[in-house]
Amino acid sequence: MAAQPSPLSLEEFHRLYDGAKPAYEYWYGSAIGKSTPTFLHGFVQYVIMTLLEKAGWNPAPEVRLKVSRDAEPVPDVIAVRGKVKGLCATTAPDLCVEILSPGDTLAKALEKANRYIQWGTKCVWIIDPEKRTAWTLSPDPQWIAPTGNASH
């Protein structure tokens, strides 16, 4: 029986994977490579960020979330209402967006979305640009994102 590799510490992860392209995410002792985005993925990311900004949000692409000691994911887009606090995201953003690339699965994106919500994100979008489908997850079914006039 083969020995199981020991979990990667967060410090080891940063030493080995910081600056890697495509990016790696840290999930519970493992380094997980993000899928290489396609042109369509990048275009959808740009459009989402542009629309969020026009609606009064502060969006940013590919920001490493540092809200948990056990995981450091890199959503495709995050957005907050109001002022951005600090240089990195140490609190859950209001909105996280995951755009599926070839090789990504909806099951994995849903797993990530549920973690974001557990950490305090109010809404998660999962977008599949190839299939032209999208999902919205939120702990509050009354919370709708984003609009420029919402009071949430």
N, C-alpha and C. Protein backbone atom coordinates (compact mmCIF):
# COMPACT_ATOMS: atom_id res chain seq x y z
N MET A 1 0.85 -1.17 0.00
CA MET A 1 0.00 0.00 0.00
C MET A 1 0.89 1.24 0.00
N ALA A 2 0.62 2.17 -0.91
CA ALA A 2 1.43 3.38 -1.03
C ALA A 2 1.15 4.32 0.13
N ALA A 3 2.18 4.99 0.57
CA ALA A 3 2.03 5.96 1.65
C ALA A 3 1.29 7.20 1.14
N GLN A 4 0.43 7.72 1.98
CA GLN A 4 -0.29 8.94 1.64
C GLN A 4 0.65 10.14 1.82
N PRO A 5 0.65 11.08 0.89
CA PRO A 5 1.49 12.27 1.07
C PRO A 5 0.97 13.08 2.26
N SER A 6 1.90 13.66 2.98
CA SER A 6 1.49 14.46 4.14
C SER A 6 0.88 15.76 3.64
N PRO A 7 -0.04 16.33 4.42
CA PRO A 7 -0.66 17.58 4.01
C PRO A 7 0.37 18.69 3.86
N LEU A 8 0.13 19.55 2.94
CA LEU A 8 0.99 20.69 2.65
C LEU A 8 0.61 21.82 3.62
N SER A 9 1.57 22.38 4.31
CA SER A 9 1.26 23.52 5.18
C SER A 9 1.01 24.74 4.31
N LEU A 10 0.33 25.70 4.88
CA LEU A 10 0.06 26.94 4.14
C LEU A 10 1.36 27.65 3.79
N GLU A 11 2.32 27.61 4.69
CA GLU A 11 3.63 28.23 4.43
C GLU A 11 4.35 27.53 3.27
N GLU A 12 4.31 26.20 3.25
CA GLU A 12 4.92 25.44 2.14
C GLU A 12 4.21 25.76 0.82
N PHE A 13 2.90 25.83 0.89
CA PHE A 13 2.12 26.15 -0.30
C PHE A 13 2.60 27.47 -0.91
N HIS A 14 2.73 28.51 -0.07
CA HIS A 14 3.16 29.81 -0.58
C HIS A 14 4.58 29.76 -1.12
N ARG A 15 5.43 29.03 -0.47
CA ARG A 15 6.83 28.92 -0.93
C ARG A 15 6.89 28.24 -2.30
N LEU A 16 6.08 27.22 -2.50
CA LEU A 16 6.14 26.43 -3.74
C LEU A 16 5.29 26.99 -4.88
N TYR A 17 4.17 27.65 -4.57
CA TYR A 17 3.20 27.97 -5.62
C TYR A 17 2.90 29.45 -5.83
N ASP A 18 3.39 30.33 -4.98
CA ASP A 18 3.13 31.76 -5.20
C ASP A 18 3.71 32.18 -6.56
N GLY A 19 2.91 32.86 -7.33
CA GLY A 19 3.35 33.34 -8.64
C GLY A 19 3.21 32.34 -9.77
N ALA A 20 2.78 31.12 -9.47
CA ALA A 20 2.62 30.09 -10.52
C ALA A 20 1.49 30.50 -11.46
N LYS A 21 1.67 30.20 -12.74
CA LYS A 21 0.65 30.45 -13.75
C LYS A 21 0.36 29.17 -14.50
N PRO A 22 -0.87 28.73 -14.60
CA PRO A 22 -2.03 29.31 -13.94
C PRO A 22 -1.92 29.16 -12.42
N ALA A 23 -2.77 29.88 -11.73
CA ALA A 23 -2.72 29.93 -10.27
C ALA A 23 -3.08 28.59 -9.63
N TYR A 24 -2.59 28.42 -8.42
CA TYR A 24 -2.98 27.29 -7.59
C TYR A 24 -3.78 27.80 -6.41
N GLU A 25 -4.69 26.97 -5.95
CA GLU A 25 -5.47 27.29 -4.76
C GLU A 25 -5.06 26.32 -3.65
N TYR A 26 -5.13 26.79 -2.44
CA TYR A 26 -4.84 25.95 -1.27
C TYR A 26 -6.16 25.50 -0.68
N TRP A 27 -6.36 24.18 -0.62
CA TRP A 27 -7.57 23.61 -0.05
C TRP A 27 -7.20 22.49 0.91
N TYR A 28 -7.26 22.77 2.20
CA TYR A 28 -7.14 21.77 3.25
C TYR A 28 -5.92 20.86 3.07
N GLY A 29 -4.76 21.49 2.91
CA GLY A 29 -3.52 20.74 2.84
C GLY A 29 -3.09 20.32 1.46
N SER A 30 -3.83 20.72 0.43
CA SER A 30 -3.49 20.35 -0.95
C SER A 30 -3.41 21.59 -1.84
N ALA A 31 -2.50 21.53 -2.80
CA ALA A 31 -2.40 22.56 -3.83
C ALA A 31 -3.21 22.08 -5.03
N ILE A 32 -4.21 22.85 -5.40
CA ILE A 32 -5.09 22.48 -6.51
C ILE A 32 -4.91 23.52 -7.61
N GLY A 33 -4.49 23.07 -8.79
CA GLY A 33 -4.29 23.97 -9.91
C GLY A 33 -5.60 24.44 -10.50
N LYS A 34 -5.68 25.73 -10.79
CA LYS A 34 -6.84 26.26 -11.49
C LYS A 34 -6.73 25.88 -12.97
N SER A 35 -7.86 25.67 -13.60
CA SER A 35 -7.87 25.36 -15.03
C SER A 35 -7.38 26.56 -15.82
N THR A 36 -6.73 26.28 -16.94
CA THR A 36 -6.27 27.36 -17.81
C THR A 36 -7.48 27.98 -18.48
N PRO A 37 -7.66 29.30 -18.31
CA PRO A 37 -8.84 29.94 -18.90
C PRO A 37 -8.73 30.06 -20.41
N THR A 38 -9.88 30.06 -21.06
CA THR A 38 -9.97 30.26 -22.50
C THR A 38 -10.27 31.73 -22.78
N PHE A 39 -10.25 32.10 -24.04
CA PHE A 39 -10.62 33.46 -24.43
C PHE A 39 -12.04 33.77 -23.97
N LEU A 40 -12.95 32.82 -24.15
CA LEU A 40 -14.35 33.02 -23.75
C LEU A 40 -14.43 33.28 -22.24
N HIS A 41 -13.68 32.52 -21.47
CA HIS A 41 -13.64 32.71 -20.01
C HIS A 41 -13.19 34.13 -19.69
N GLY A 42 -12.11 34.57 -20.31
CA GLY A 42 -11.60 35.92 -20.06
C GLY A 42 -12.57 37.00 -20.48
N PHE A 43 -13.25 36.79 -21.59
CA PHE A 43 -14.23 37.76 -22.07
C PHE A 43 -15.40 37.87 -21.10
N VAL A 44 -15.91 36.73 -20.64
CA VAL A 44 -17.02 36.74 -19.68
C VAL A 44 -16.59 37.42 -18.38
N GLN A 45 -15.37 37.14 -17.94
CA GLN A 45 -14.84 37.77 -16.74
C GLN A 45 -14.81 39.30 -16.90
N TYR A 46 -14.34 39.77 -18.03
CA TYR A 46 -14.28 41.20 -18.32
C TYR A 46 -15.68 41.83 -18.32
N VAL A 47 -16.62 41.18 -18.98
CA VAL A 47 -17.99 41.71 -19.07
C VAL A 47 -18.62 41.78 -17.68
N ILE A 48 -18.45 40.74 -16.89
CA ILE A 48 -19.02 40.73 -15.53
C ILE A 48 -18.44 41.86 -14.70
N MET A 49 -17.13 42.03 -14.77
CA MET A 49 -16.50 43.10 -13.99
C MET A 49 -16.98 44.48 -14.45
N THR A 50 -17.12 44.66 -15.74
CA THR A 50 -17.59 45.94 -16.28
C THR A 50 -19.01 46.24 -15.81
N LEU A 51 -19.89 45.25 -15.89
CA LEU A 51 -21.27 45.44 -15.47
C LEU A 51 -21.37 45.68 -13.96
N LEU A 52 -20.58 44.95 -13.19
CA LEU A 52 -20.59 45.16 -11.73
C LEU A 52 -20.14 46.58 -11.39
N GLU A 53 -19.09 47.02 -12.05
CA GLU A 53 -18.58 48.37 -11.79
C GLU A 53 -19.62 49.43 -12.15
N LYS A 54 -20.29 49.25 -13.29
CA LYS A 54 -21.32 50.20 -13.70
C LYS A 54 -22.50 50.20 -12.73
N ALA A 55 -22.72 49.09 -12.03
CA ALA A 55 -23.81 48.99 -11.06
C ALA A 55 -23.38 49.50 -9.68
N GLY A 56 -22.16 50.02 -9.57
CA GLY A 56 -21.72 50.61 -8.31
C GLY A 56 -20.94 49.69 -7.38
N TRP A 57 -20.55 48.52 -7.88
CA TRP A 57 -19.78 47.57 -7.09
C TRP A 57 -18.28 47.83 -7.30
N ASN A 58 -17.47 47.26 -6.44
CA ASN A 58 -16.02 47.28 -6.59
C ASN A 58 -15.56 45.85 -6.89
N PRO A 59 -15.42 45.52 -8.18
CA PRO A 59 -15.01 44.16 -8.55
C PRO A 59 -13.49 44.05 -8.73
N ALA A 60 -12.99 42.83 -8.61
CA ALA A 60 -11.58 42.56 -8.87
C ALA A 60 -11.45 41.11 -9.36
N PRO A 61 -10.52 40.86 -10.30
CA PRO A 61 -10.33 39.49 -10.80
C PRO A 61 -9.24 38.76 -10.03
N GLU A 62 -9.41 37.45 -9.91
CA GLU A 62 -8.34 36.56 -9.44
C GLU A 62 -7.70 37.00 -8.12
N VAL A 63 -8.51 37.32 -7.12
CA VAL A 63 -8.01 37.73 -5.82
C VAL A 63 -7.99 36.52 -4.89
N ARG A 64 -6.86 36.29 -4.27
CA ARG A 64 -6.73 35.18 -3.31
C ARG A 64 -7.47 35.55 -2.03
N LEU A 65 -8.45 34.70 -1.65
CA LEU A 65 -9.18 34.92 -0.42
C LEU A 65 -8.38 34.35 0.75
N LYS A 66 -8.18 35.17 1.76
CA LYS A 66 -7.45 34.75 2.96
C LYS A 66 -8.38 34.89 4.16
N VAL A 67 -9.53 34.23 4.05
CA VAL A 67 -10.54 34.30 5.11
C VAL A 67 -10.54 33.06 5.99
N SER A 68 -9.77 32.04 5.61
CA SER A 68 -9.68 30.79 6.36
C SER A 68 -8.23 30.34 6.41
N ARG A 69 -7.82 29.77 7.51
CA ARG A 69 -6.46 29.23 7.63
C ARG A 69 -6.33 27.92 6.86
N ASP A 70 -7.46 27.30 6.53
CA ASP A 70 -7.46 25.99 5.87
C ASP A 70 -7.57 26.03 4.36
N ALA A 71 -7.89 27.19 3.82
CA ALA A 71 -8.09 27.29 2.37
C ALA A 71 -7.82 28.70 1.90
N GLU A 72 -7.24 28.81 0.71
CA GLU A 72 -7.02 30.10 0.05
C GLU A 72 -7.40 29.98 -1.42
N PRO A 73 -8.69 30.02 -1.70
CA PRO A 73 -9.13 29.94 -3.10
C PRO A 73 -8.93 31.26 -3.83
N VAL A 74 -9.03 31.18 -5.16
CA VAL A 74 -8.89 32.36 -6.02
C VAL A 74 -10.10 32.39 -6.96
N PRO A 75 -11.21 33.00 -6.50
CA PRO A 75 -12.37 33.10 -7.39
C PRO A 75 -12.03 33.91 -8.64
N ASP A 76 -12.77 33.67 -9.71
CA ASP A 76 -12.52 34.39 -10.95
C ASP A 76 -12.80 35.89 -10.80
N VAL A 77 -13.85 36.23 -10.05
CA VAL A 77 -14.18 37.63 -9.76
C VAL A 77 -14.72 37.68 -8.34
N ILE A 78 -14.33 38.73 -7.61
CA ILE A 78 -14.99 39.04 -6.36
C ILE A 78 -15.50 40.47 -6.48
N ALA A 79 -16.51 40.80 -5.67
CA ALA A 79 -17.02 42.17 -5.68
C ALA A 79 -17.52 42.51 -4.28
N VAL A 80 -17.32 43.76 -3.92
CA VAL A 80 -17.82 44.26 -2.64
C VAL A 80 -18.58 45.56 -2.90
N ARG A 81 -19.48 45.83 -2.01
CA ARG A 81 -20.16 47.12 -2.02
C ARG A 81 -19.40 48.01 -1.06
N GLY A 82 -19.24 49.22 -1.42
CA GLY A 82 -18.53 50.13 -0.53
C GLY A 82 -17.04 50.05 -0.72
N LYS A 83 -16.31 50.49 0.29
CA LYS A 83 -14.86 50.58 0.20
C LYS A 83 -14.20 49.22 0.35
N VAL A 84 -13.11 49.06 -0.39
CA VAL A 84 -12.28 47.87 -0.27
C VAL A 84 -11.37 48.08 0.93
N LYS A 85 -11.29 47.06 1.78
CA LYS A 85 -10.49 47.17 3.00
C LYS A 85 -9.20 46.37 2.85
N GLY A 86 -8.07 47.05 2.90
CA GLY A 86 -6.78 46.36 2.84
C GLY A 86 -6.38 45.95 1.45
N LEU A 87 -5.19 45.36 1.37
CA LEU A 87 -4.63 44.94 0.07
C LEU A 87 -5.06 43.55 -0.34
N CYS A 88 -5.48 42.71 0.60
CA CYS A 88 -5.94 41.37 0.23
C CYS A 88 -7.27 41.11 0.94
N ALA A 89 -7.99 40.14 0.45
CA ALA A 89 -9.33 39.84 0.97
C ALA A 89 -9.22 38.96 2.20
N THR A 90 -9.32 39.58 3.38
CA THR A 90 -9.26 38.83 4.63
C THR A 90 -10.65 38.66 5.25
N THR A 91 -11.65 39.25 4.61
CA THR A 91 -13.05 39.00 4.98
C THR A 91 -13.77 38.57 3.71
N ALA A 92 -14.84 37.84 3.89
CA ALA A 92 -15.58 37.32 2.74
C ALA A 92 -16.15 38.47 1.90
N PRO A 93 -15.94 38.42 0.58
CA PRO A 93 -16.53 39.45 -0.28
C PRO A 93 -18.04 39.25 -0.36
N ASP A 94 -18.75 40.29 -0.76
CA ASP A 94 -20.20 40.20 -0.90
C ASP A 94 -20.59 39.22 -2.01
N LEU A 95 -19.80 39.19 -3.08
CA LEU A 95 -20.10 38.36 -4.24
C LEU A 95 -18.84 37.66 -4.72
N CYS A 96 -18.94 36.38 -4.99
CA CYS A 96 -17.87 35.61 -5.65
C CYS A 96 -18.44 35.05 -6.94
N VAL A 97 -17.62 35.06 -7.99
CA VAL A 97 -18.04 34.52 -9.28
C VAL A 97 -17.03 33.46 -9.72
N GLU A 98 -17.53 32.30 -10.05
CA GLU A 98 -16.72 31.22 -10.61
C GLU A 98 -17.18 31.01 -12.05
N ILE A 99 -16.26 31.13 -13.00
CA ILE A 99 -16.56 30.92 -14.41
C ILE A 99 -15.93 29.59 -14.80
N LEU A 100 -16.74 28.66 -15.26
CA LEU A 100 -16.22 27.34 -15.59
C LEU A 100 -15.36 27.39 -16.85
N SER A 101 -14.22 26.74 -16.77
CA SER A 101 -13.32 26.55 -17.91
C SER A 101 -13.37 25.08 -18.28
N PRO A 102 -12.90 24.72 -19.48
CA PRO A 102 -12.81 23.30 -19.79
C PRO A 102 -11.98 22.60 -18.72
N GLY A 103 -12.46 21.48 -18.25
CA GLY A 103 -11.78 20.75 -17.18
C GLY A 103 -12.38 21.02 -15.81
N ASP A 104 -13.13 22.12 -15.66
CA ASP A 104 -13.83 22.39 -14.40
C ASP A 104 -15.13 21.60 -14.38
N THR A 105 -15.59 21.27 -13.19
CA THR A 105 -16.87 20.59 -13.06
C THR A 105 -17.82 21.43 -12.23
N LEU A 106 -19.09 21.30 -12.52
CA LEU A 106 -20.11 22.02 -11.75
C LEU A 106 -20.06 21.55 -10.29
N ALA A 107 -19.85 20.26 -10.07
CA ALA A 107 -19.81 19.74 -8.70
C ALA A 107 -18.72 20.43 -7.88
N LYS A 108 -17.55 20.60 -8.46
CA LYS A 108 -16.45 21.26 -7.75
C LYS A 108 -16.76 22.74 -7.52
N ALA A 109 -17.35 23.40 -8.52
CA ALA A 109 -17.72 24.80 -8.36
C ALA A 109 -18.78 24.98 -7.27
N LEU A 110 -19.73 24.06 -7.19
CA LEU A 110 -20.75 24.12 -6.14
C LEU A 110 -20.13 23.91 -4.76
N GLU A 111 -19.15 23.03 -4.68
CA GLU A 111 -18.44 22.79 -3.42
C GLU A 111 -17.73 24.08 -2.98
N LYS A 112 -17.06 24.74 -3.91
CA LYS A 112 -16.39 26.00 -3.60
C LYS A 112 -17.41 27.06 -3.18
N ALA A 113 -18.51 27.15 -3.92
CA ALA A 113 -19.54 28.14 -3.63
C ALA A 113 -20.09 27.96 -2.21
N ASN A 114 -20.30 26.74 -1.82
CA ASN A 114 -20.81 26.49 -0.47
C ASN A 114 -19.81 26.91 0.59
N ARG A 115 -18.51 26.74 0.33
CA ARG A 115 -17.49 27.23 1.26
C ARG A 115 -17.52 28.75 1.36
N TYR A 116 -17.61 29.42 0.21
CA TYR A 116 -17.66 30.89 0.22
C TYR A 116 -18.83 31.37 1.09
N ILE A 117 -19.97 30.73 0.93
CA ILE A 117 -21.15 31.11 1.70
C ILE A 117 -20.93 30.82 3.19
N GLN A 118 -20.33 29.69 3.52
CA GLN A 118 -20.02 29.38 4.93
C GLN A 118 -19.13 30.46 5.53
N TRP A 119 -18.23 31.02 4.74
CA TRP A 119 -17.30 32.04 5.23
C TRP A 119 -17.93 33.43 5.30
N GLY A 120 -19.14 33.58 4.77
CA GLY A 120 -19.83 34.86 4.88
C GLY A 120 -20.14 35.58 3.58
N THR A 121 -19.80 35.01 2.45
CA THR A 121 -20.17 35.62 1.17
C THR A 121 -21.68 35.57 1.02
N LYS A 122 -22.26 36.66 0.56
CA LYS A 122 -23.71 36.76 0.48
C LYS A 122 -24.30 36.10 -0.76
N CYS A 123 -23.48 36.02 -1.83
CA CYS A 123 -24.00 35.47 -3.08
C CYS A 123 -22.83 34.93 -3.92
N VAL A 124 -23.07 33.83 -4.59
CA VAL A 124 -22.07 33.23 -5.49
C VAL A 124 -22.75 32.96 -6.82
N TRP A 125 -22.08 33.39 -7.88
CA TRP A 125 -22.52 33.04 -9.22
C TRP A 125 -21.57 32.00 -9.77
N ILE A 126 -22.14 31.00 -10.42
CA ILE A 126 -21.36 30.03 -11.19
C ILE A 126 -21.85 30.16 -12.63
N ILE A 127 -20.91 30.41 -13.52
CA ILE A 127 -21.26 30.65 -14.92
C ILE A 127 -20.56 29.63 -15.81
N ASP A 128 -21.32 29.01 -16.69
CA ASP A 128 -20.77 28.11 -17.68
C ASP A 128 -20.94 28.77 -19.05
N PRO A 129 -19.90 29.47 -19.52
CA PRO A 129 -20.06 30.21 -20.78
C PRO A 129 -20.25 29.31 -21.99
N GLU A 130 -19.72 28.10 -21.96
CA GLU A 130 -19.88 27.18 -23.09
C GLU A 130 -21.34 26.77 -23.26
N LYS A 131 -22.00 26.48 -22.12
CA LYS A 131 -23.39 26.02 -22.16
C LYS A 131 -24.38 27.18 -22.02
N ARG A 132 -23.85 28.38 -21.78
CA ARG A 132 -24.69 29.57 -21.60
C ARG A 132 -25.69 29.37 -20.47
N THR A 133 -25.18 28.85 -19.34
CA THR A 133 -26.00 28.65 -18.17
C THR A 133 -25.31 29.30 -16.97
N ALA A 134 -26.12 29.59 -15.95
CA ALA A 134 -25.58 30.19 -14.73
C ALA A 134 -26.42 29.77 -13.55
N TRP A 135 -25.79 29.78 -12.39
CA TRP A 135 -26.45 29.44 -11.13
C TRP A 135 -26.13 30.52 -10.12
N THR A 136 -27.08 30.80 -9.25
CA THR A 136 -26.88 31.74 -8.16
C THR A 136 -27.12 30.99 -6.86
N LEU A 137 -26.17 31.11 -5.93
CA LEU A 137 -26.32 30.50 -4.61
C LEU A 137 -26.23 31.60 -3.57
N SER A 138 -27.10 31.51 -2.57
CA SER A 138 -27.12 32.50 -1.51
C SER A 138 -27.74 31.87 -0.27
N PRO A 139 -27.24 32.23 0.91
CA PRO A 139 -27.87 31.71 2.13
C PRO A 139 -29.22 32.36 2.38
N ASP A 140 -29.46 33.52 1.76
CA ASP A 140 -30.70 34.27 1.93
C ASP A 140 -31.42 34.32 0.59
N PRO A 141 -32.54 33.60 0.46
CA PRO A 141 -33.22 33.56 -0.83
C PRO A 141 -33.77 34.92 -1.27
N GLN A 142 -33.86 35.88 -0.37
CA GLN A 142 -34.34 37.22 -0.71
C GLN A 142 -33.23 38.12 -1.23
N TRP A 143 -31.97 37.69 -1.08
CA TRP A 143 -30.84 38.53 -1.47
C TRP A 143 -30.63 38.41 -2.96
N ILE A 144 -30.69 39.51 -3.66
CA ILE A 144 -30.52 39.51 -5.11
C ILE A 144 -29.30 40.35 -5.44
N ALA A 145 -28.42 39.85 -6.27
CA ALA A 145 -27.20 40.59 -6.61
C ALA A 145 -27.02 40.60 -8.11
N PRO A 146 -26.36 41.57 -8.64
CA PRO A 146 -26.18 42.89 -8.07
C PRO A 146 -27.15 43.86 -8.71
N THR A 147 -27.50 44.87 -8.03
CA THR A 147 -28.22 45.99 -8.63
C THR A 147 -27.62 47.26 -8.08
N GLY A 148 -27.72 48.30 -8.80
CA GLY A 148 -27.18 49.57 -8.34
C GLY A 148 -28.04 50.21 -7.28
N ASN A 149 -29.31 49.78 -7.16
CA ASN A 149 -30.23 50.44 -6.25
C ASN A 149 -30.51 49.61 -5.00
N ALA A 150 -29.95 48.44 -4.87
CA ALA A 150 -30.25 47.58 -3.72
C ALA A 150 -29.75 48.20 -2.44
N SER A 151 -30.44 47.95 -1.37
CA SER A 151 -30.04 48.51 -0.07
C SER A 151 -29.34 47.50 0.80
N HIS A 152 -29.04 46.31 0.29
CA HIS A 152 -28.37 45.26 1.08
C HIS A 152 -26.90 45.53 1.21
